[in-house]
N, C-alpha and C. Protein backbone atom coordinates (compact mmCIF):
# COMPACT_ATOMS: atom_id res chain seq x y z
N MET A 1 -0.78 -4.58 -9.96
CA MET A 1 -1.57 -3.99 -8.88
C MET A 1 -0.80 -4.16 -7.58
N HIS A 2 -0.81 -3.15 -6.75
CA HIS A 2 0.01 -3.18 -5.55
C HIS A 2 -0.51 -4.13 -4.47
N VAL A 3 -1.59 -4.83 -4.74
CA VAL A 3 -2.08 -5.82 -3.77
C VAL A 3 -1.05 -6.93 -3.56
N VAL A 4 -0.15 -7.11 -4.51
CA VAL A 4 0.88 -8.14 -4.34
C VAL A 4 1.82 -7.80 -3.20
N TYR A 5 1.85 -6.54 -2.77
CA TYR A 5 2.68 -6.13 -1.65
C TYR A 5 1.94 -6.18 -0.33
N ALA A 6 0.68 -6.57 -0.35
CA ALA A 6 -0.14 -6.62 0.86
C ALA A 6 0.11 -7.92 1.63
N ALA A 7 0.26 -7.81 2.94
CA ALA A 7 0.32 -8.99 3.79
C ALA A 7 -1.05 -9.66 3.77
N PRO A 8 -1.12 -10.96 4.03
CA PRO A 8 -2.42 -11.64 4.02
C PRO A 8 -3.46 -10.99 4.93
N THR A 9 -3.02 -10.36 6.00
CA THR A 9 -3.95 -9.73 6.95
C THR A 9 -3.94 -8.20 6.85
N ALA A 10 -3.48 -7.67 5.74
CA ALA A 10 -3.34 -6.22 5.57
C ALA A 10 -4.68 -5.48 5.67
N ALA A 11 -4.57 -4.21 6.06
CA ALA A 11 -5.72 -3.31 6.08
C ALA A 11 -5.37 -2.13 5.19
N GLN A 12 -6.33 -1.72 4.36
CA GLN A 12 -6.09 -0.60 3.45
C GLN A 12 -7.29 0.33 3.45
N SER A 13 -7.01 1.62 3.50
CA SER A 13 -8.10 2.60 3.47
C SER A 13 -8.22 3.19 2.08
N GLY A 14 -9.43 3.17 1.58
CA GLY A 14 -9.75 3.86 0.35
C GLY A 14 -9.36 3.16 -0.93
N SER A 15 -10.15 3.45 -1.95
CA SER A 15 -9.91 3.03 -3.33
C SER A 15 -10.57 4.09 -4.19
N ALA A 16 -10.58 3.89 -5.48
CA ALA A 16 -11.23 4.84 -6.38
C ALA A 16 -12.73 4.91 -6.13
N ALA A 17 -13.30 3.82 -5.60
CA ALA A 17 -14.76 3.75 -5.42
C ALA A 17 -15.22 3.97 -3.98
N SER A 18 -14.30 3.95 -3.01
CA SER A 18 -14.72 3.98 -1.61
C SER A 18 -13.64 4.59 -0.73
N VAL A 19 -14.05 5.19 0.37
CA VAL A 19 -13.09 5.68 1.36
C VAL A 19 -13.05 4.77 2.58
N GLY A 20 -13.78 3.66 2.54
CA GLY A 20 -13.83 2.72 3.65
C GLY A 20 -12.59 1.87 3.73
N TRP A 21 -12.48 1.11 4.80
CA TRP A 21 -11.36 0.21 5.01
C TRP A 21 -11.65 -1.16 4.40
N GLU A 22 -10.62 -1.77 3.85
CA GLU A 22 -10.67 -3.15 3.36
C GLU A 22 -9.67 -3.96 4.18
N PHE A 23 -10.04 -5.20 4.51
CA PHE A 23 -9.19 -6.04 5.35
C PHE A 23 -8.90 -7.35 4.64
N GLY A 24 -7.63 -7.68 4.47
CA GLY A 24 -7.21 -8.91 3.81
C GLY A 24 -6.95 -8.70 2.33
N ARG A 25 -6.05 -9.52 1.78
CA ARG A 25 -5.67 -9.40 0.37
C ARG A 25 -6.84 -9.49 -0.59
N ALA A 26 -7.73 -10.44 -0.35
CA ALA A 26 -8.86 -10.62 -1.28
C ALA A 26 -9.75 -9.40 -1.32
N ALA A 27 -10.04 -8.81 -0.17
CA ALA A 27 -10.90 -7.63 -0.11
C ALA A 27 -10.20 -6.42 -0.74
N ILE A 28 -8.90 -6.29 -0.52
CA ILE A 28 -8.15 -5.19 -1.13
C ILE A 28 -8.15 -5.34 -2.65
N PHE A 29 -7.89 -6.55 -3.12
CA PHE A 29 -7.91 -6.81 -4.56
C PHE A 29 -9.28 -6.48 -5.15
N ALA A 30 -10.34 -6.93 -4.49
CA ALA A 30 -11.70 -6.68 -5.00
C ALA A 30 -12.00 -5.18 -5.05
N ALA A 31 -11.53 -4.42 -4.07
CA ALA A 31 -11.78 -2.98 -4.04
C ALA A 31 -11.11 -2.26 -5.20
N HIS A 32 -10.03 -2.83 -5.73
CA HIS A 32 -9.29 -2.19 -6.82
C HIS A 32 -9.47 -2.90 -8.16
N ALA A 33 -10.29 -3.92 -8.21
CA ALA A 33 -10.43 -4.74 -9.41
C ALA A 33 -10.88 -3.95 -10.64
N SER A 34 -11.69 -2.92 -10.46
CA SER A 34 -12.19 -2.15 -11.61
C SER A 34 -11.22 -1.09 -12.10
N GLU A 35 -10.13 -0.88 -11.38
CA GLU A 35 -9.16 0.13 -11.78
C GLU A 35 -8.20 -0.46 -12.81
N PRO A 36 -7.97 0.26 -13.90
CA PRO A 36 -7.03 -0.25 -14.90
C PRO A 36 -5.61 -0.30 -14.35
N LEU A 37 -4.82 -1.25 -14.83
CA LEU A 37 -3.43 -1.35 -14.39
C LEU A 37 -2.70 -0.06 -14.74
N GLY A 38 -1.79 0.33 -13.90
CA GLY A 38 -1.00 1.53 -14.15
C GLY A 38 -1.71 2.82 -13.80
N THR A 39 -2.85 2.73 -13.09
CA THR A 39 -3.60 3.93 -12.74
C THR A 39 -2.84 4.80 -11.75
N PHE A 40 -2.19 4.18 -10.79
CA PHE A 40 -1.50 4.91 -9.74
C PHE A 40 -0.05 4.45 -9.63
N SER A 41 0.78 5.35 -9.17
CA SER A 41 2.14 4.99 -8.79
C SER A 41 2.46 5.79 -7.53
N TRP A 42 3.45 5.34 -6.81
CA TRP A 42 3.79 6.04 -5.58
C TRP A 42 5.30 6.13 -5.45
N THR A 43 5.73 7.18 -4.78
CA THR A 43 7.15 7.43 -4.58
C THR A 43 7.39 7.71 -3.10
N PRO A 44 8.19 6.89 -2.43
CA PRO A 44 8.49 7.16 -1.04
C PRO A 44 9.39 8.39 -0.90
N VAL A 45 9.12 9.18 0.12
CA VAL A 45 9.92 10.35 0.43
C VAL A 45 10.67 10.13 1.74
N ILE A 46 10.01 9.46 2.69
CA ILE A 46 10.61 9.14 3.98
C ILE A 46 10.39 7.66 4.24
N ALA A 47 11.41 6.99 4.75
CA ALA A 47 11.28 5.58 5.15
C ALA A 47 12.13 5.38 6.40
N HIS A 48 11.63 4.56 7.29
CA HIS A 48 12.38 4.28 8.51
C HIS A 48 12.01 2.89 9.01
N ALA A 49 13.01 2.15 9.47
CA ALA A 49 12.78 0.81 10.02
C ALA A 49 13.02 0.82 11.52
N SER A 50 12.32 -0.08 12.20
CA SER A 50 12.49 -0.22 13.64
C SER A 50 13.87 -0.79 13.95
N PRO A 51 14.39 -0.54 15.15
CA PRO A 51 15.68 -1.12 15.52
C PRO A 51 15.70 -2.65 15.43
N SER A 52 14.55 -3.28 15.65
CA SER A 52 14.49 -4.74 15.58
C SER A 52 14.53 -5.26 14.15
N GLY A 53 14.29 -4.38 13.17
CA GLY A 53 14.38 -4.77 11.76
C GLY A 53 13.18 -5.54 11.23
N ASP A 54 12.06 -5.53 11.96
CA ASP A 54 10.90 -6.29 11.48
C ASP A 54 9.70 -5.41 11.12
N LEU A 55 9.75 -4.12 11.45
CA LEU A 55 8.69 -3.17 11.07
C LEU A 55 9.33 -1.93 10.45
N ALA A 56 8.61 -1.32 9.54
CA ALA A 56 9.09 -0.09 8.90
C ALA A 56 7.89 0.71 8.43
N PHE A 57 8.13 1.96 8.06
CA PHE A 57 7.08 2.76 7.45
C PHE A 57 7.65 3.54 6.28
N THR A 58 6.78 3.87 5.35
CA THR A 58 7.12 4.77 4.25
C THR A 58 6.03 5.82 4.15
N VAL A 59 6.45 7.02 3.79
CA VAL A 59 5.55 8.15 3.56
C VAL A 59 5.95 8.72 2.21
N GLY A 60 4.96 9.08 1.41
CA GLY A 60 5.30 9.63 0.12
C GLY A 60 4.11 10.18 -0.62
N TRP A 61 4.26 10.26 -1.93
CA TRP A 61 3.26 10.85 -2.82
C TRP A 61 2.67 9.81 -3.75
N VAL A 62 1.39 9.95 -4.06
CA VAL A 62 0.69 9.09 -5.02
C VAL A 62 0.44 9.91 -6.27
N PHE A 63 0.70 9.32 -7.44
CA PHE A 63 0.52 9.98 -8.72
C PHE A 63 -0.43 9.18 -9.60
N ASN A 64 -1.12 9.87 -10.51
CA ASN A 64 -1.93 9.15 -11.50
C ASN A 64 -1.07 8.87 -12.73
N ALA A 65 -1.64 8.23 -13.74
CA ALA A 65 -0.89 7.83 -14.93
C ALA A 65 -0.33 9.04 -15.69
N ALA A 66 -0.97 10.20 -15.53
CA ALA A 66 -0.50 11.42 -16.20
C ALA A 66 0.60 12.13 -15.41
N GLY A 67 0.96 11.58 -14.25
CA GLY A 67 2.00 12.17 -13.44
C GLY A 67 1.53 13.26 -12.50
N GLN A 68 0.22 13.45 -12.39
CA GLN A 68 -0.33 14.45 -11.48
C GLN A 68 -0.35 13.90 -10.06
N THR A 69 0.00 14.74 -9.10
CA THR A 69 -0.01 14.34 -7.69
C THR A 69 -1.45 14.21 -7.20
N LEU A 70 -1.79 13.05 -6.63
CA LEU A 70 -3.12 12.82 -6.10
C LEU A 70 -3.18 13.00 -4.59
N GLY A 71 -2.08 12.85 -3.93
CA GLY A 71 -2.07 12.99 -2.48
C GLY A 71 -0.91 12.28 -1.85
N LYS A 72 -0.98 12.14 -0.53
CA LYS A 72 0.07 11.50 0.25
C LYS A 72 -0.35 10.08 0.63
N TYR A 73 0.63 9.30 1.02
CA TYR A 73 0.32 7.98 1.56
C TYR A 73 1.22 7.70 2.76
N PHE A 74 0.78 6.78 3.58
CA PHE A 74 1.54 6.31 4.74
C PHE A 74 1.33 4.80 4.79
N SER A 75 2.40 4.04 4.76
CA SER A 75 2.30 2.58 4.81
C SER A 75 3.17 2.04 5.93
N VAL A 76 2.67 1.02 6.61
CA VAL A 76 3.43 0.29 7.61
C VAL A 76 3.77 -1.07 7.02
N TRP A 77 5.02 -1.42 7.06
CA TRP A 77 5.53 -2.66 6.46
C TRP A 77 6.01 -3.61 7.54
N GLN A 78 5.86 -4.90 7.27
CA GLN A 78 6.32 -5.92 8.21
C GLN A 78 7.16 -6.94 7.45
N LYS A 79 8.31 -7.26 8.01
CA LYS A 79 9.16 -8.27 7.39
C LYS A 79 8.55 -9.64 7.68
N GLN A 80 8.31 -10.41 6.63
CA GLN A 80 7.70 -11.72 6.76
C GLN A 80 8.76 -12.77 7.10
N GLN A 81 8.32 -13.94 7.49
CA GLN A 81 9.25 -15.03 7.82
C GLN A 81 10.10 -15.42 6.61
N THR A 82 9.61 -15.14 5.42
CA THR A 82 10.34 -15.43 4.18
C THR A 82 11.42 -14.40 3.89
N GLY A 83 11.42 -13.29 4.66
CA GLY A 83 12.35 -12.20 4.43
C GLY A 83 11.75 -11.11 3.56
N GLU A 84 10.59 -11.37 2.97
CA GLU A 84 9.90 -10.40 2.11
C GLU A 84 9.23 -9.32 2.98
N TRP A 85 9.23 -8.09 2.49
CA TRP A 85 8.54 -6.99 3.16
C TRP A 85 7.17 -6.80 2.52
N LEU A 86 6.12 -6.86 3.33
CA LEU A 86 4.75 -6.63 2.87
C LEU A 86 4.09 -5.59 3.76
N TYR A 87 3.19 -4.80 3.17
CA TYR A 87 2.53 -3.80 4.01
C TYR A 87 1.40 -4.44 4.82
N VAL A 88 1.24 -3.94 6.04
CA VAL A 88 0.18 -4.41 6.93
C VAL A 88 -0.90 -3.34 7.09
N VAL A 89 -0.54 -2.08 6.88
CA VAL A 89 -1.51 -0.98 6.88
C VAL A 89 -1.10 -0.01 5.79
N ASP A 90 -2.08 0.38 4.98
CA ASP A 90 -1.80 1.30 3.88
C ASP A 90 -2.93 2.31 3.80
């Protein structure tokens, strides 16, 4: 589940059950808990990082398990103190 890429304070809009916003890893995980693993995949088409190297964004397409396009996504990523990149808004 892509919640592993969420920053502890991440915000995410929408799930299979809701179009509302979820805030924090636990809430994001709970919003997607009923979805089977492998339900969605995503492919970045555009990515760009800030000159400071601590923020970035990706834009791309979301697919279901059958490979059908479900829509677009936009994610903002933040480089953590550990060097790991996690999304802060999805």
